[in-house]
Amino acid sequence: MSDSSDDEEWQLSVASEDVECDVCEYEDVAMQCETCLVNLCRGCVQKHLESKVDEKHSISRFPGFIHQYPACSSHDNKRCELYCKDCDDPICITCITSEKHRGHDLQDVLKTFRDRRRSF
């Protein structure tokens, strides 16, 4: 488990020209996948969306943060801190306590996204 300084590192504010695309690792980031927090240049957005694993992902303008906990798609104003491996979805604390995820394999959401980014 990481300490609080690691968590703060994942929420540092930065300018988009200081961050490279996680896919091509060359161009400046312009967009971010809200689902998996992959930072994308304009040229790599389509490639990311066409990926079979990422077909239901949502792209938005780069938020000015290297990484942040994703918003929960089921609960307004909640952030997802865990990832349900069984459902293949990020989940918030309210989701965790629901019947739907009881007994599922859960993992830290930022660890999941770091591992996925490395696999691109």
PDB file of N, CA and C in Angstrom:
ATOM      1  N   MET A   1       0.848  -1.185   0.000  1.00  0.00           N
ATOM      2  CA  MET A   1       0.000   0.000   0.000  1.00  0.00           C
ATOM      3  C   MET A   1       0.886   1.238   0.000  1.00  0.00           C
ATOM      4  N   SER A   2       0.512   2.275  -0.731  1.00  0.00           N
ATOM      5  CA  SER A   2       1.327   3.480  -0.816  1.00  0.00           C
ATOM      6  C   SER A   2       1.045   4.420   0.342  1.00  0.00           C
ATOM      7  N   ASP A   3       2.014   5.277   0.618  1.00  0.00           N
ATOM      8  CA  ASP A   3       1.801   6.257   1.672  1.00  0.00           C
ATOM      9  C   ASP A   3       1.166   7.505   1.083  1.00  0.00           C
ATOM     10  N   SER A   4       0.798   8.472   1.933  1.00  0.00           N
ATOM     11  CA  SER A   4       0.076   9.663   1.470  1.00  0.00           C
ATOM     12  C   SER A   4       0.895  10.512   0.515  1.00  0.00           C
ATOM     13  N   SER A   5       2.230  10.491   0.603  1.00  0.00           N
ATOM     14  CA  SER A   5       3.044  11.274  -0.322  1.00  0.00           C
ATOM     15  C   SER A   5       2.916  10.728  -1.744  1.00  0.00           C
ATOM     16  N   ASP A   6       2.740   9.406  -1.895  1.00  0.00           N
ATOM     17  CA  ASP A   6       2.512   8.826  -3.216  1.00  0.00           C
ATOM     18  C   ASP A   6       1.185   9.301  -3.785  1.00  0.00           C
ATOM     19  N   ASP A   7       0.141   9.345  -2.960  1.00  0.00           N
ATOM     20  CA  ASP A   7      -1.173   9.803  -3.410  1.00  0.00           C
ATOM     21  C   ASP A   7      -1.114  11.255  -3.849  1.00  0.00           C
ATOM     22  N   GLU A   8      -0.392  12.099  -3.119  1.00  0.00           N
ATOM     23  CA  GLU A   8      -0.269  13.505  -3.489  1.00  0.00           C
ATOM     24  C   GLU A   8       0.467  13.642  -4.818  1.00  0.00           C
ATOM     25  N   GLU A   9       1.454  12.792  -5.067  1.00  0.00           N
ATOM     26  CA  GLU A   9       2.193  12.826  -6.310  1.00  0.00           C
ATOM     27  C   GLU A   9       1.269  12.612  -7.499  1.00  0.00           C
ATOM     28  N   TRP A  10       0.249  11.794  -7.324  1.00  0.00           N
ATOM     29  CA  TRP A  10      -0.668  11.471  -8.410  1.00  0.00           C
ATOM     30  C   TRP A  10      -1.713  12.541  -8.638  1.00  0.00           C
ATOM     31  N   GLN A  11      -1.658  13.652  -7.902  1.00  0.00           N
ATOM     32  CA  GLN A  11      -2.628  14.719  -8.066  1.00  0.00           C
ATOM     33  C   GLN A  11      -1.955  16.071  -8.270  1.00  0.00           C
ATOM     34  N   LEU A  12      -0.741  16.089  -8.794  1.00  0.00           N
ATOM     35  CA  LEU A  12      -0.022  17.338  -9.005  1.00  0.00           C
ATOM     36  C   LEU A  12      -0.590  18.103 -10.195  1.00  0.00           C
ATOM     37  N   SER A  13      -0.745  19.394 -10.029  1.00  0.00           N
ATOM     38  CA  SER A  13      -1.232  20.253 -11.099  1.00  0.00           C
ATOM     39  C   SER A  13      -0.093  20.542 -12.073  1.00  0.00           C
ATOM     40  N   VAL A  14      -0.371  20.408 -13.375  1.00  0.00           N
ATOM     41  CA  VAL A  14       0.643  20.639 -14.397  1.00  0.00           C
ATOM     42  C   VAL A  14       0.007  21.261 -15.633  1.00  0.00           C
ATOM     43  N   ALA A  15       0.827  21.904 -16.444  1.00  0.00           N
ATOM     44  CA  ALA A  15       0.377  22.432 -17.725  1.00  0.00           C
ATOM     45  C   ALA A  15       0.434  21.309 -18.755  1.00  0.00           C
ATOM     46  N   SER A  16      -0.485  21.317 -19.721  1.00  0.00           N
ATOM     47  CA  SER A  16      -0.554  20.225 -20.696  1.00  0.00           C
ATOM     48  C   SER A  16       0.724  20.101 -21.516  1.00  0.00           C
ATOM     49  N   GLU A  17       1.429  21.202 -21.753  1.00  0.00           N
ATOM     50  CA  GLU A  17       2.666  21.115 -22.540  1.00  0.00           C
ATOM     51  C   GLU A  17       3.818  20.484 -21.750  1.00  0.00           C
ATOM     52  N   ASP A  18       3.625  20.235 -20.465  1.00  0.00           N
ATOM     53  CA  ASP A  18       4.643  19.587 -19.640  1.00  0.00           C
ATOM     54  C   ASP A  18       4.420  18.081 -19.506  1.00  0.00           C
ATOM     55  N   VAL A  19       3.356  17.577 -20.133  1.00  0.00           N
ATOM     56  CA  VAL A  19       3.018  16.160 -20.011  1.00  0.00           C
ATOM     57  C   VAL A  19       2.950  15.550 -21.407  1.00  0.00           C
ATOM     58  N   GLU A  20       3.623  14.410 -21.576  1.00  0.00           N
ATOM     59  CA  GLU A  20       3.594  13.715 -22.864  1.00  0.00           C
ATOM     60  C   GLU A  20       2.460  12.703 -22.905  1.00  0.00           C
ATOM     61  N   CYS A  21       2.011  12.411 -24.093  1.00  0.00           N
ATOM     62  CA  CYS A  21       0.987  11.405 -24.347  1.00  0.00           C
ATOM     63  C   CYS A  21       1.452  10.058 -23.800  1.00  0.00           C
ATOM     64  N   ASP A  22       0.574   9.346 -23.100  1.00  0.00           N
ATOM     65  CA  ASP A  22       0.912   8.032 -22.552  1.00  0.00           C
ATOM     66  C   ASP A  22       0.978   6.955 -23.627  1.00  0.00           C
ATOM     67  N   VAL A  23       0.411   7.207 -24.799  1.00  0.00           N
ATOM     68  CA  VAL A  23       0.399   6.205 -25.861  1.00  0.00           C
ATOM     69  C   VAL A  23       1.639   6.326 -26.737  1.00  0.00           C
ATOM     70  N   CYS A  24       1.841   7.504 -27.359  1.00  0.00           N
ATOM     71  CA  CYS A  24       2.994   7.654 -28.254  1.00  0.00           C
ATOM     72  C   CYS A  24       4.253   8.130 -27.525  1.00  0.00           C
ATOM     73  N   GLU A  25       4.087   8.694 -26.330  1.00  0.00           N
ATOM     74  CA  GLU A  25       5.182   9.194 -25.500  1.00  0.00           C
ATOM     75  C   GLU A  25       6.025  10.256 -26.192  1.00  0.00           C
ATOM     76  N   TYR A  26       5.375  11.024 -27.085  1.00  0.00           N
ATOM     77  CA  TYR A  26       6.109  12.051 -27.816  1.00  0.00           C
ATOM     78  C   TYR A  26       5.366  13.394 -27.804  1.00  0.00           C
ATOM     79  N   GLU A  27       4.130  13.380 -28.253  1.00  0.00           N
ATOM     80  CA  GLU A  27       3.345  14.611 -28.376  1.00  0.00           C
ATOM     81  C   GLU A  27       2.849  15.103 -27.015  1.00  0.00           C
ATOM     82  N   ASP A  28       2.588  16.419 -26.933  1.00  0.00           N
ATOM     83  CA  ASP A  28       2.009  16.992 -25.716  1.00  0.00           C
ATOM     84  C   ASP A  28       0.586  16.483 -25.529  1.00  0.00           C
ATOM     85  N   VAL A  29       0.217  16.265 -24.290  1.00  0.00           N
ATOM     86  CA  VAL A  29      -1.126  15.792 -23.976  1.00  0.00           C
ATOM     87  C   VAL A  29      -2.154  16.894 -24.244  1.00  0.00           C
ATOM     88  N   ALA A  30      -3.315  16.504 -24.763  1.00  0.00           N
ATOM     89  CA  ALA A  30      -4.407  17.436 -25.012  1.00  0.00           C
ATOM     90  C   ALA A  30      -5.705  16.931 -24.384  1.00  0.00           C
ATOM     91  N   MET A  31      -5.816  15.602 -24.247  1.00  0.00           N
ATOM     92  CA  MET A  31      -7.048  14.984 -23.776  1.00  0.00           C
ATOM     93  C   MET A  31      -6.705  13.952 -22.704  1.00  0.00           C
ATOM     94  N   GLN A  32      -7.752  13.498 -21.998  1.00  0.00           N
ATOM     95  CA  GLN A  32      -7.568  12.445 -21.010  1.00  0.00           C
ATOM     96  C   GLN A  32      -8.788  11.537 -21.038  1.00  0.00           C
ATOM     97  N   CYS A  33      -8.554  10.237 -20.951  1.00  0.00           N
ATOM     98  CA  CYS A  33      -9.658   9.292 -20.824  1.00  0.00           C
ATOM     99  C   CYS A  33     -10.145   9.384 -19.379  1.00  0.00           C
ATOM    100  N   GLU A  34     -11.421   9.711 -19.202  1.00  0.00           N
ATOM    101  CA  GLU A  34     -11.974   9.858 -17.856  1.00  0.00           C
ATOM    102  C   GLU A  34     -12.107   8.518 -17.141  1.00  0.00           C
ATOM    103  N   THR A  35     -12.163   7.444 -17.895  1.00  0.00           N
ATOM    104  CA  THR A  35     -12.337   6.124 -17.307  1.00  0.00           C
ATOM    105  C   THR A  35     -11.035   5.552 -16.773  1.00  0.00           C
ATOM    106  N   CYS A  36      -9.970   5.613 -17.574  1.00  0.00           N
ATOM    107  CA  CYS A  36      -8.713   4.990 -17.137  1.00  0.00           C
ATOM    108  C   CYS A  36      -7.585   5.994 -16.895  1.00  0.00           C
ATOM    109  N   LEU A  37      -7.856   7.278 -17.060  1.00  0.00           N
ATOM    110  CA  LEU A  37      -6.907   8.354 -16.777  1.00  0.00           C
ATOM    111  C   LEU A  37      -5.666   8.322 -17.661  1.00  0.00           C
ATOM    112  N   VAL A  38      -5.770   7.736 -18.838  1.00  0.00           N
ATOM    113  CA  VAL A  38      -4.675   7.757 -19.793  1.00  0.00           C
ATOM    114  C   VAL A  38      -4.646   9.143 -20.427  1.00  0.00           C
ATOM    115  N   ASN A  39      -3.468   9.773 -20.445  1.00  0.00           N
ATOM    116  CA  ASN A  39      -3.289  11.082 -21.067  1.00  0.00           C
ATOM    117  C   ASN A  39      -2.996  10.883 -22.551  1.00  0.00           C
ATOM    118  N   LEU A  40      -3.688  11.644 -23.415  1.00  0.00           N
ATOM    119  CA  LEU A  40      -3.618  11.424 -24.854  1.00  0.00           C
ATOM    120  C   LEU A  40      -3.346  12.704 -25.623  1.00  0.00           C
ATOM    121  N   CYS A  41      -2.532  12.595 -26.677  1.00  0.00           N
ATOM    122  CA  CYS A  41      -2.402  13.704 -27.627  1.00  0.00           C
ATOM    123  C   CYS A  41      -3.583  13.590 -28.585  1.00  0.00           C
ATOM    124  N   ARG A  42      -3.825  14.609 -29.392  1.00  0.00           N
ATOM    125  CA  ARG A  42      -4.963  14.574 -30.320  1.00  0.00           C
ATOM    126  C   ARG A  42      -4.873  13.395 -31.290  1.00  0.00           C
ATOM    127  N   GLY A  43      -3.673  13.047 -31.721  1.00  0.00           N
ATOM    128  CA  GLY A  43      -3.494  11.966 -32.680  1.00  0.00           C
ATOM    129  C   GLY A  43      -3.763  10.578 -32.120  1.00  0.00           C
ATOM    130  N   CYS A  44      -3.685  10.410 -30.821  1.00  0.00           N
ATOM    131  CA  CYS A  44      -3.862   9.079 -30.229  1.00  0.00           C
ATOM    132  C   CYS A  44      -5.257   8.842 -29.643  1.00  0.00           C
ATOM    133  N   VAL A  45      -6.122   9.839 -29.659  1.00  0.00           N
ATOM    134  CA  VAL A  45      -7.468   9.678 -29.100  1.00  0.00           C
ATOM    135  C   VAL A  45      -8.221   8.566 -29.810  1.00  0.00           C
ATOM    136  N   GLN A  46      -8.247   8.587 -31.139  1.00  0.00           N
ATOM    137  CA  GLN A  46      -8.985   7.584 -31.898  1.00  0.00           C
ATOM    138  C   GLN A  46      -8.431   6.180 -31.661  1.00  0.00           C
ATOM    139  N   LYS A  47      -7.116   6.059 -31.611  1.00  0.00           N
ATOM    140  CA  LYS A  47      -6.477   4.769 -31.353  1.00  0.00           C
ATOM    141  C   LYS A  47      -6.941   4.217 -30.002  1.00  0.00           C
ATOM    142  N   HIS A  48      -7.018   5.085 -29.004  1.00  0.00           N
ATOM    143  CA  HIS A  48      -7.450   4.668 -27.671  1.00  0.00           C
ATOM    144  C   HIS A  48      -8.912   4.211 -27.698  1.00  0.00           C
ATOM    145  N   LEU A  49      -9.767   4.968 -28.374  1.00  0.00           N
ATOM    146  CA  LEU A  49     -11.185   4.634 -28.420  1.00  0.00           C
ATOM    147  C   LEU A  49     -11.466   3.367 -29.229  1.00  0.00           C
ATOM    148  N   GLU A  50     -10.631   3.084 -30.211  1.00  0.00           N
ATOM    149  CA  GLU A  50     -10.829   1.894 -31.042  1.00  0.00           C
ATOM    150  C   GLU A  50     -10.341   0.617 -30.374  1.00  0.00           C
ATOM    151  N   SER A  51      -9.561   0.763 -29.329  1.00  0.00           N
ATOM    152  CA  SER A  51      -9.062  -0.404 -28.608  1.00  0.00           C
ATOM    153  C   SER A  51     -10.244  -1.164 -28.006  1.00  0.00           C
ATOM    154  N   LYS A  52     -10.267  -2.468 -28.165  1.00  0.00           N
ATOM    155  CA  LYS A  52     -11.375  -3.287 -27.674  1.00  0.00           C
ATOM    156  C   LYS A  52     -11.602  -3.110 -26.174  1.00  0.00           C
ATOM    157  N   VAL A  53     -10.528  -3.044 -25.408  1.00  0.00           N
ATOM    158  CA  VAL A  53     -10.639  -2.890 -23.961  1.00  0.00           C
ATOM    159  C   VAL A  53     -11.264  -1.544 -23.605  1.00  0.00           C
ATOM    160  N   ASP A  54     -11.044  -0.542 -24.433  1.00  0.00           N
ATOM    161  CA  ASP A  54     -11.442   0.821 -24.094  1.00  0.00           C
ATOM    162  C   ASP A  54     -12.694   1.306 -24.818  1.00  0.00           C
ATOM    163  N   GLU A  55     -13.511   0.419 -25.383  1.00  0.00           N
ATOM    164  CA  GLU A  55     -14.622   0.848 -26.209  1.00  0.00           C
ATOM    165  C   GLU A  55     -15.683   1.673 -25.475  1.00  0.00           C
ATOM    166  N   LYS A  56     -15.817   1.536 -24.165  1.00  0.00           N
ATOM    167  CA  LYS A  56     -16.836   2.292 -23.445  1.00  0.00           C
ATOM    168  C   LYS A  56     -16.254   3.502 -22.699  1.00  0.00           C
ATOM    169  N   HIS A  57     -15.051   3.897 -23.046  1.00  0.00           N
ATOM    170  CA  HIS A  57     -14.386   4.978 -22.339  1.00  0.00           C
ATOM    171  C   HIS A  57     -14.797   6.353 -22.866  1.00  0.00           C
ATOM    172  N   SER A  58     -14.644   7.346 -22.032  1.00  0.00           N
ATOM    173  CA  SER A  58     -15.048   8.710 -22.334  1.00  0.00           C
ATOM    174  C   SER A  58     -13.826   9.631 -22.314  1.00  0.00           C
ATOM    175  N   ILE A  59     -13.690  10.470 -23.336  1.00  0.00           N
ATOM    176  CA  ILE A  59     -12.540  11.364 -23.481  1.00  0.00           C
ATOM    177  C   ILE A  59     -12.958  12.806 -23.210  1.00  0.00           C
ATOM    178  N   SER A  60     -12.120  13.539 -22.489  1.00  0.00           N
ATOM    179  CA  SER A  60     -12.372  14.963 -22.237  1.00  0.00           C
ATOM    180  C   SER A  60     -11.055  15.736 -22.342  1.00  0.00           C
ATOM    181  N   ARG A  61     -11.152  17.061 -22.287  1.00  0.00           N
ATOM    182  CA  ARG A  61      -9.938  17.891 -22.306  1.00  0.00           C
ATOM    183  C   ARG A  61      -9.071  17.541 -21.114  1.00  0.00           C
ATOM    184  N   PHE A  62      -7.767  17.668 -21.294  1.00  0.00           N
ATOM    185  CA  PHE A  62      -6.825  17.409 -20.207  1.00  0.00           C
ATOM    186  C   PHE A  62      -7.167  18.319 -19.030  1.00  0.00           C
ATOM    187  N   PRO A  63      -7.377  17.757 -17.835  1.00  0.00           N
ATOM    188  CA  PRO A  63      -7.867  18.549 -16.703  1.00  0.00           C
ATOM    189  C   PRO A  63      -6.822  19.379 -15.975  1.00  0.00           C
ATOM    190  N   GLY A  64      -5.544  19.245 -16.329  1.00  0.00           N
ATOM    191  CA  GLY A  64      -4.521  19.995 -15.612  1.00  0.00           C
ATOM    192  C   GLY A  64      -3.940  19.227 -14.443  1.00  0.00           C
ATOM    193  N   PHE A  65      -4.293  17.951 -14.329  1.00  0.00           N
ATOM    194  CA  PHE A  65      -3.737  17.087 -13.306  1.00  0.00           C
ATOM    195  C   PHE A  65      -3.136  15.877 -13.997  1.00  0.00           C
ATOM    196  N   ILE A  66      -1.993  15.437 -13.522  1.00  0.00           N
ATOM    197  CA  ILE A  66      -1.386  14.244 -14.097  1.00  0.00           C
ATOM    198  C   ILE A  66      -2.326  13.051 -13.883  1.00  0.00           C
ATOM    199  N   HIS A  67      -2.793  12.883 -12.678  1.00  0.00           N
ATOM    200  CA  HIS A  67      -3.732  11.818 -12.366  1.00  0.00           C
ATOM    201  C   HIS A  67      -4.655  12.308 -11.268  1.00  0.00           C
ATOM    202  N   GLN A  68      -5.870  11.846 -11.313  1.00  0.00           N
ATOM    203  CA  GLN A  68      -6.812  12.138 -10.251  1.00  0.00           C
ATOM    204  C   GLN A  68      -7.763  10.952 -10.153  1.00  0.00           C
ATOM    205  N   TYR A  69      -8.376  10.789  -9.009  1.00  0.00           N
ATOM    206  CA  TYR A  69      -9.334   9.704  -8.878  1.00  0.00           C
ATOM    207  C   TYR A  69     -10.517   9.991  -9.789  1.00  0.00           C
ATOM    208  N   PRO A  70     -10.970   8.989 -10.559  1.00  0.00           N
ATOM    209  CA  PRO A  70     -12.082   9.220 -11.481  1.00  0.00           C
ATOM    210  C   PRO A  70     -13.406   9.412 -10.748  1.00  0.00           C
ATOM    211  N   ALA A  71     -14.313  10.161 -11.358  1.00  0.00           N
ATOM    212  CA  ALA A  71     -15.654  10.344 -10.804  1.00  0.00           C
ATOM    213  C   ALA A  71     -16.427   9.040 -10.943  1.00  0.00           C
ATOM    214  N   CYS A  72     -17.278   8.776  -9.991  1.00  0.00           N
ATOM    215  CA  CYS A  72     -18.100   7.567 -10.027  1.00  0.00           C
ATOM    216  C   CYS A  72     -19.249   7.768 -11.012  1.00  0.00           C
ATOM    217  N   SER A  73     -19.465   6.808 -11.871  1.00  0.00           N
ATOM    218  CA  SER A  73     -20.545   6.912 -12.853  1.00  0.00           C
ATOM    219  C   SER A  73     -21.906   6.609 -12.239  1.00  0.00           C
ATOM    220  N   SER A  74     -21.927   6.033 -11.037  1.00  0.00           N
ATOM    221  CA  SER A  74     -23.186   5.683 -10.377  1.00  0.00           C
ATOM    222  C   SER A  74     -23.594   6.626  -9.260  1.00  0.00           C
ATOM    223  N   HIS A  75     -22.628   7.349  -8.673  1.00  0.00           N
ATOM    224  CA  HIS A  75     -22.924   8.195  -7.513  1.00  0.00           C
ATOM    225  C   HIS A  75     -22.326   9.588  -7.700  1.00  0.00           C
ATOM    226  N   ASP A  76     -23.190  10.583  -7.841  1.00  0.00           N
ATOM    227  CA  ASP A  76     -22.744  11.965  -8.028  1.00  0.00           C
ATOM    228  C   ASP A  76     -21.860  12.411  -6.868  1.00  0.00           C
ATOM    229  N   ASN A  77     -20.853  13.208  -7.195  1.00  0.00           N
ATOM    230  CA  ASN A  77     -19.940  13.798  -6.211  1.00  0.00           C
ATOM    231  C   ASN A  77     -19.107  12.781  -5.444  1.00  0.00           C
ATOM    232  N   LYS A  78     -18.973  11.569  -5.951  1.00  0.00           N
ATOM    233  CA  LYS A  78     -18.114  10.557  -5.325  1.00  0.00           C
ATOM    234  C   LYS A  78     -16.955  10.266  -6.271  1.00  0.00           C
ATOM    235  N   ARG A  79     -15.792   9.989  -5.689  1.00  0.00           N
ATOM    236  CA  ARG A  79     -14.602   9.616  -6.461  1.00  0.00           C
ATOM    237  C   ARG A  79     -14.309   8.144  -6.238  1.00  0.00           C
ATOM    238  N   CYS A  80     -13.858   7.491  -7.275  1.00  0.00           N
ATOM    239  CA  CYS A  80     -13.554   6.056  -7.215  1.00  0.00           C
ATOM    240  C   CYS A  80     -12.117   5.866  -6.731  1.00  0.00           C
ATOM    241  N   GLU A  81     -11.977   5.182  -5.631  1.00  0.00           N
ATOM    242  CA  GLU A  81     -10.654   4.899  -5.091  1.00  0.00           C
ATOM    243  C   GLU A  81     -10.254   3.445  -5.294  1.00  0.00           C
ATOM    244  N   LEU A  82     -11.204   2.596  -5.644  1.00  0.00           N
ATOM    245  CA  LEU A  82     -10.915   1.189  -5.891  1.00  0.00           C
ATOM    246  C   LEU A  82     -11.404   0.793  -7.273  1.00  0.00           C
ATOM    247  N   TYR A  83     -10.882  -0.338  -7.735  1.00  0.00           N
ATOM    248  CA  TYR A  83     -11.258  -0.872  -9.035  1.00  0.00           C
ATOM    249  C   TYR A  83     -11.762  -2.288  -8.828  1.00  0.00           C
ATOM    250  N   CYS A  84     -12.958  -2.581  -9.326  1.00  0.00           N
ATOM    251  CA  CYS A  84     -13.528  -3.917  -9.227  1.00  0.00           C
ATOM    252  C   CYS A  84     -13.051  -4.718 -10.433  1.00  0.00           C
ATOM    253  N   LYS A  85     -12.184  -5.681 -10.193  1.00  0.00           N
ATOM    254  CA  LYS A  85     -11.630  -6.490 -11.279  1.00  0.00           C
ATOM    255  C   LYS A  85     -12.698  -7.398 -11.893  1.00  0.00           C
ATOM    256  N   ASP A  86     -13.641  -7.847 -11.085  1.00  0.00           N
ATOM    257  CA  ASP A  86     -14.695  -8.724 -11.596  1.00  0.00           C
ATOM    258  C   ASP A  86     -15.617  -8.001 -12.568  1.00  0.00           C
ATOM    259  N   CYS A  87     -15.945  -6.741 -12.269  1.00  0.00           N
ATOM    260  CA  CYS A  87     -16.852  -5.959 -13.120  1.00  0.00           C
ATOM    261  C   CYS A  87     -16.095  -5.088 -14.127  1.00  0.00           C
ATOM    262  N   ASP A  88     -14.770  -4.976 -13.962  1.00  0.00           N
ATOM    263  CA  ASP A  88     -13.932  -4.144 -14.826  1.00  0.00           C
ATOM    264  C   ASP A  88     -14.377  -2.681 -14.795  1.00  0.00           C
ATOM    265  N   ASP A  89     -14.602  -2.181 -13.557  1.00  0.00           N
ATOM    266  CA  ASP A  89     -15.068  -0.800 -13.371  1.00  0.00           C
ATOM    267  C   ASP A  89     -14.419  -0.168 -12.145  1.00  0.00           C
ATOM    268  N   PRO A  90     -14.121   1.148 -12.223  1.00  0.00           N
ATOM    269  CA  PRO A  90     -13.723   1.867 -11.017  1.00  0.00           C
ATOM    270  C   PRO A  90     -14.953   2.047 -10.128  1.00  0.00           C
ATOM    271  N   ILE A  91     -14.762   1.963  -8.804  1.00  0.00           N
ATOM    272  CA  ILE A  91     -15.902   2.074  -7.888  1.00  0.00           C
ATOM    273  C   ILE A  91     -15.572   2.991  -6.702  1.00  0.00           C
ATOM    274  N   CYS A  92     -16.610   3.627  -6.174  1.00  0.00           N
ATOM    275  CA  CYS A  92     -16.477   4.528  -5.019  1.00  0.00           C
ATOM    276  C   CYS A  92     -16.814   3.766  -3.735  1.00  0.00           C
ATOM    277  N   ILE A  93     -16.726   4.439  -2.613  1.00  0.00           N
ATOM    278  CA  ILE A  93     -16.993   3.809  -1.317  1.00  0.00           C
ATOM    279  C   ILE A  93     -18.437   3.330  -1.228  1.00  0.00           C
ATOM    280  N   THR A  94     -19.371   4.054  -1.832  1.00  0.00           N
ATOM    281  CA  THR A  94     -20.773   3.631  -1.822  1.00  0.00           C
ATOM    282  C   THR A  94     -20.944   2.362  -2.645  1.00  0.00           C
ATOM    283  N   CYS A  95     -20.283   2.288  -3.786  1.00  0.00           N
ATOM    284  CA  CYS A  95     -20.322   1.072  -4.612  1.00  0.00           C
ATOM    285  C   CYS A  95     -19.761  -0.130  -3.860  1.00  0.00           C
ATOM    286  N   ILE A  96     -18.686   0.094  -3.120  1.00  0.00           N
ATOM    287  CA  ILE A  96     -18.014  -0.993  -2.403  1.00  0.00           C
ATOM    288  C   ILE A  96     -18.963  -1.668  -1.418  1.00  0.00           C
ATOM    289  N   THR A  97     -19.793  -0.872  -0.786  1.00  0.00           N
ATOM    290  CA  THR A  97     -20.700  -1.415   0.226  1.00  0.00           C
ATOM    291  C   THR A  97     -21.983  -1.987  -0.368  1.00  0.00           C
ATOM    292  N   SER A  98     -22.163  -1.867  -1.673  1.00  0.00           N
ATOM    293  CA  SER A  98     -23.380  -2.384  -2.305  1.00  0.00           C
ATOM    294  C   SER A  98     -23.307  -3.895  -2.486  1.00  0.00           C
ATOM    295  N   GLU A  99     -24.448  -4.491  -2.638  1.00  0.00           N
ATOM    296  CA  GLU A  99     -24.558  -5.933  -2.865  1.00  0.00           C
ATOM    297  C   GLU A  99     -23.858  -6.345  -4.164  1.00  0.00           C
ATOM    298  N   LYS A 100     -23.870  -5.470  -5.150  1.00  0.00           N
ATOM    299  CA  LYS A 100     -23.328  -5.768  -6.486  1.00  0.00           C
ATOM    300  C   LYS A 100     -21.850  -6.188  -6.445  1.00  0.00           C
ATOM    301  N   HIS A 101     -21.054  -5.584  -5.553  1.00  0.00           N
ATOM    302  CA  HIS A 101     -19.613  -5.836  -5.529  1.00  0.00           C
ATOM    303  C   HIS A 101     -19.163  -6.711  -4.360  1.00  0.00           C
ATOM    304  N   ARG A 102     -20.107  -7.235  -3.588  1.00  0.00           N
ATOM    305  CA  ARG A 102     -19.769  -8.060  -2.432  1.00  0.00           C
ATOM    306  C   ARG A 102     -19.005  -9.309  -2.878  1.00  0.00           C
ATOM    307  N   GLY A 103     -17.834  -9.521  -2.277  1.00  0.00           N
ATOM    308  CA  GLY A 103     -17.016 -10.691  -2.577  1.00  0.00           C
ATOM    309  C   GLY A 103     -16.177 -10.569  -3.837  1.00  0.00           C
ATOM    310  N   HIS A 104     -16.213  -9.416  -4.495  1.00  0.00           N
ATOM    311  CA  HIS A 104     -15.432  -9.225  -5.726  1.00  0.00           C
ATOM    312  C   HIS A 104     -13.974  -8.913  -5.414  1.00  0.00           C
ATOM    313  N   ASP A 105     -13.126  -9.123  -6.398  1.00  0.00           N
ATOM    314  CA  ASP A 105     -11.705  -8.839  -6.295  1.00  0.00           C
ATOM    315  C   ASP A 105     -11.485  -7.346  -6.538  1.00  0.00           C
ATOM    316  N   LEU A 106     -11.036  -6.608  -5.513  1.00  0.00           N
ATOM    317  CA  LEU A 106     -10.855  -5.165  -5.598  1.00  0.00           C
ATOM    318  C   LEU A 106      -9.382  -4.809  -5.529  1.00  0.00           C
ATOM    319  N   GLN A 107      -9.025  -3.696  -6.178  1.00  0.00           N
ATOM    320  CA  GLN A 107      -7.643  -3.227  -6.213  1.00  0.00           C
ATOM    321  C   GLN A 107      -7.651  -1.703  -6.211  1.00  0.00           C
ATOM    322  N   ASP A 108      -6.590  -1.093  -5.732  1.00  0.00           N
ATOM    323  CA  ASP A 108      -6.462   0.361  -5.765  1.00  0.00           C
ATOM    324  C   ASP A 108      -6.599   0.849  -7.209  1.00  0.00           C
ATOM    325  N   VAL A 109      -7.463   1.824  -7.440  1.00  0.00           N
ATOM    326  CA  VAL A 109      -7.752   2.276  -8.800  1.00  0.00           C
ATOM    327  C   VAL A 109      -6.525   2.891  -9.474  1.00  0.00           C
ATOM    328  N   LEU A 110      -5.714   3.635  -8.762  1.00  0.00           N
ATOM    329  CA  LEU A 110      -4.534   4.246  -9.373  1.00  0.00           C
ATOM    330  C   LEU A 110      -3.506   3.190  -9.763  1.00  0.00           C
ATOM    331  N   LYS A 111      -3.371   2.139  -8.959  1.00  0.00           N
ATOM    332  CA  LYS A 111      -2.473   1.043  -9.321  1.00  0.00           C
ATOM    333  C   LYS A 111      -2.966   0.365 -10.599  1.00  0.00           C
ATOM    334  N   THR A 112      -4.252   0.141 -10.691  1.00  0.00           N
ATOM    335  CA  THR A 112      -4.831  -0.478 -11.887  1.00  0.00           C
ATOM    336  C   THR A 112      -4.527   0.358 -13.118  1.00  0.00           C
ATOM    337  N   PHE A 113      -4.728   1.677 -13.028  1.00  0.00           N
ATOM    338  CA  PHE A 113      -4.512   2.541 -14.182  1.00  0.00           C
ATOM    339  C   PHE A 113      -3.036   2.662 -14.539  1.00  0.00           C
ATOM    340  N   ARG A 114      -2.168   2.677 -13.521  1.00  0.00           N
ATOM    341  CA  ARG A 114      -0.715   2.702 -13.809  1.00  0.00           C
ATOM    342  C   ARG A 114      -0.308   1.431 -14.553  1.00  0.00           C
ATOM    343  N   ASP A 115      -0.821   0.295 -14.099  1.00  0.00           N
ATOM    344  CA  ASP A 115      -0.505  -0.980 -14.759  1.00  0.00           C
ATOM    345  C   ASP A 115      -1.028  -1.005 -16.183  1.00  0.00           C
ATOM    346  N   ARG A 116      -2.226  -0.491 -16.412  1.00  0.00           N
ATOM    347  CA  ARG A 116      -2.790  -0.461 -17.766  1.00  0.00           C
ATOM    348  C   ARG A 116      -2.007   0.473 -18.672  1.00  0.00           C
ATOM    349  N   ARG A 117      -1.598   1.620 -18.144  1.00  0.00           N
ATOM    350  CA  ARG A 117      -0.816   2.560 -18.959  1.00  0.00           C
ATOM    351  C   ARG A 117       0.500   1.926 -19.393  1.00  0.00           C
ATOM    352  N   ARG A 118       1.114   1.163 -18.494  1.00  0.00           N
ATOM    353  CA  ARG A 118       2.380   0.499 -18.834  1.00  0.00           C
ATOM    354  C   ARG A 118       2.192  -0.530 -19.943  1.00  0.00           C
ATOM    355  N   SER A 119       0.991  -1.097 -20.039  1.00  0.00           N
ATOM    356  CA  SER A 119       0.755  -2.129 -21.037  1.00  0.00           C
ATOM    357  C   SER A 119       0.466  -1.566 -22.422  1.00  0.00           C
ATOM    358  N   PHE A 120       0.257  -0.248 -22.543  1.00  0.00           N
ATOM    359  CA  PHE A 120      -0.034   0.345 -23.849  1.00  0.00           C
ATOM    360  C   PHE A 120       1.194   0.343 -24.700  1.00  0.00           C
TER     361      PHE A 120
END
